[in-house]
Amino acid sequence: MIVKTSNGKHILVELNSNFSSSTKLRNLSYYTSYYSQIIEKGYEYYEELDTVLINLNKNSKDSLAKRNYLITCVEDKSIYTNTFRIININLVKYKELWYDECIKGNKEHIHLVMLNANMDEIEELGKRDKVVRSMKIKC
């Protein structure tokens, strides 16, 4: 999914059913390809173009629910460019946190939890969200 916000930000969202090194490379390829397509011909590349890639993954091996990436220097961690930002969201970890402790009941994260839920869980979680309650979805 590609979203262009009213303030000019470009957000690419990838939902991955698995998580591997090939998934990361594929998503990065899509991201850089999209970036090269939105640069206007005849103009220089510029860092002010606000883009971000959000990868929604099912990664049971990652201990963090969210990781933010920039292209940085190995030696001193200086940022090479702000143009390419990647956020990996671990749906498995978000679901664990929801049910275990940290974000239980936090409506801000309910839609992320629903992405990795079964139908019974979606029905129960949907009762907590007015947008989901307003939908008449039959499965």
Protein backbone atom coordinates (compact mmCIF):
# COMPACT_ATOMS: atom_id res chain seq x y z
CA MET A 1 0.00 0.00 0.00
CA ILE A 2 1.24 3.48 -0.81
CA VAL A 3 -0.10 6.51 1.04
CA LYS A 4 0.69 10.12 0.18
CA THR A 5 -0.33 12.36 3.05
CA SER A 6 -1.69 15.88 2.77
CA ASN A 7 1.67 17.25 3.94
CA GLY A 8 3.59 15.43 1.17
CA LYS A 9 4.92 12.43 3.07
CA HIS A 10 5.10 9.17 1.11
CA ILE A 11 4.43 6.07 3.21
CA LEU A 12 4.90 2.60 1.77
CA VAL A 13 3.42 -0.27 3.79
CA GLU A 14 4.36 -3.90 3.19
CA LEU A 15 2.59 -6.75 4.99
CA ASN A 16 4.81 -9.83 4.94
CA SER A 17 3.56 -13.31 5.85
CA ASN A 18 7.09 -14.35 6.74
CA PHE A 19 10.33 -12.62 7.60
CA SER A 20 13.69 -13.49 6.08
CA SER A 21 16.70 -11.82 4.51
CA SER A 22 15.07 -12.15 1.08
CA THR A 23 11.93 -10.39 2.41
CA LYS A 24 14.05 -7.51 3.65
CA LEU A 25 15.85 -7.20 0.32
CA ARG A 26 12.61 -7.39 -1.67
CA ASN A 27 10.97 -4.68 0.45
CA LEU A 28 14.05 -2.45 0.17
CA SER A 29 14.04 -2.93 -3.61
CA TYR A 30 10.38 -1.88 -3.82
CA TYR A 31 11.13 1.13 -1.64
CA THR A 32 14.10 2.41 -3.62
CA SER A 33 12.30 1.74 -6.91
CA TYR A 34 9.32 3.79 -5.73
CA TYR A 35 11.62 6.60 -4.61
CA SER A 36 13.33 6.73 -8.02
CA GLN A 37 9.91 6.93 -9.72
CA ILE A 38 8.67 9.92 -7.70
CA ILE A 39 11.76 12.04 -8.32
CA GLU A 40 10.88 14.53 -11.02
CA LYS A 41 12.97 14.28 -14.16
CA GLY A 42 15.38 17.15 -14.60
CA TYR A 43 15.63 17.87 -10.88
CA GLU A 44 18.37 16.87 -8.50
CA TYR A 45 17.74 14.23 -5.89
CA TYR A 46 16.95 15.91 -2.62
CA GLU A 47 16.76 14.82 0.98
CA GLU A 48 13.69 16.89 1.78
CA LEU A 49 11.46 14.30 0.11
CA ASP A 50 9.79 12.65 3.09
CA THR A 51 9.46 8.89 2.58
CA VAL A 52 9.20 5.96 4.95
CA LEU A 53 8.79 2.22 4.49
CA ILE A 54 6.77 0.36 7.11
CA ASN A 55 7.27 -3.40 7.09
CA LEU A 56 4.62 -5.36 8.97
CA ASN A 57 6.19 -8.74 9.70
CA LYS A 58 5.47 -11.94 11.56
CA ASN A 59 8.87 -12.50 13.17
CA SER A 60 8.73 -14.72 16.24
CA LYS A 61 12.53 -14.55 16.67
CA ASP A 62 12.76 -10.78 17.20
CA SER A 63 12.58 -9.59 20.80
CA LEU A 64 11.47 -6.06 19.87
CA ALA A 65 8.04 -5.00 18.67
CA LYS A 66 9.41 -2.12 16.60
CA ARG A 67 12.76 -1.30 15.00
CA ASN A 68 13.67 1.96 13.23
CA TYR A 69 16.39 1.93 10.58
CA LEU A 70 18.40 4.61 8.80
CA ILE A 71 21.40 4.21 6.52
CA THR A 72 24.34 4.89 8.82
CA CYS A 73 28.12 4.65 8.88
CA VAL A 74 29.46 1.50 10.53
CA GLU A 75 32.43 3.30 12.11
CA ASP A 76 30.86 6.35 13.71
CA LYS A 77 27.08 5.81 13.25
CA SER A 78 26.72 9.07 11.31
CA ILE A 79 23.64 9.19 9.11
CA TYR A 80 24.35 8.86 5.39
CA THR A 81 20.95 10.20 4.36
CA ASN A 82 17.61 10.86 6.05
CA THR A 83 15.77 10.03 2.85
CA PHE A 84 15.40 6.30 3.50
CA ARG A 85 13.73 5.39 6.77
CA ILE A 86 12.47 1.90 7.45
CA ILE A 87 10.28 0.85 10.34
CA ASN A 88 9.88 -2.86 11.02
CA ILE A 89 6.81 -3.75 13.06
CA ASN A 90 6.87 -7.23 14.56
CA LEU A 91 3.21 -8.29 14.67
CA VAL A 92 3.99 -11.39 16.75
CA LYS A 93 5.62 -9.29 19.48
CA TYR A 94 2.85 -6.68 19.43
CA LYS A 95 0.31 -9.43 19.99
CA GLU A 96 2.36 -10.86 22.87
CA LEU A 97 2.68 -7.43 24.48
CA TRP A 98 -1.02 -6.76 24.05
CA TYR A 99 -2.00 -9.90 25.90
CA ASP A 100 0.88 -9.97 28.39
CA GLU A 101 1.40 -6.52 29.81
CA CYS A 102 2.72 -3.34 28.28
CA ILE A 103 0.04 -2.24 25.88
CA LYS A 104 -2.94 -4.25 27.06
CA GLY A 105 -6.04 -2.24 26.40
CA ASN A 106 -4.12 0.47 24.56
CA LYS A 107 -6.42 1.32 21.66
CA GLU A 108 -3.54 2.95 19.78
CA HIS A 109 -2.15 -0.51 18.93
CA ILE A 110 -5.36 -2.50 18.45
CA HIS A 111 -5.19 -2.54 14.63
CA LEU A 112 -1.63 -3.89 14.66
CA VAL A 113 -2.72 -6.66 17.01
CA MET A 114 -5.68 -7.47 14.75
CA LEU A 115 -3.35 -8.04 11.77
CA ASN A 116 -1.96 -11.13 13.51
CA ALA A 117 -5.19 -12.37 15.13
CA ASN A 118 -7.52 -15.25 14.37
CA MET A 119 -11.23 -14.65 13.68
CA ASP A 120 -12.30 -15.10 17.34
CA GLU A 121 -9.65 -12.63 18.49
CA ILE A 122 -10.62 -10.15 15.78
CA GLU A 123 -14.25 -10.34 16.86
CA GLU A 124 -13.31 -9.72 20.50
CA LEU A 125 -10.83 -6.93 19.70
CA GLY A 126 -13.29 -5.36 17.27
CA LYS A 127 -15.71 -4.75 20.14
CA ARG A 128 -13.13 -2.34 21.60
CA ASP A 129 -12.82 -0.18 18.48
CA LYS A 130 -15.64 2.03 17.18
CA VAL A 131 -14.42 1.94 13.56
CA VAL A 132 -14.34 -1.86 13.52
CA ARG A 133 -17.70 -2.04 15.34
CA SER A 134 -19.24 0.15 12.64
CA MET A 135 -18.26 -2.31 9.89
CA LYS A 136 -20.65 -5.10 9.00
CA ILE A 137 -18.16 -7.77 7.97
CA LYS A 138 -19.28 -11.35 7.40
CA CYS A 139 -16.74 -14.12 7.00
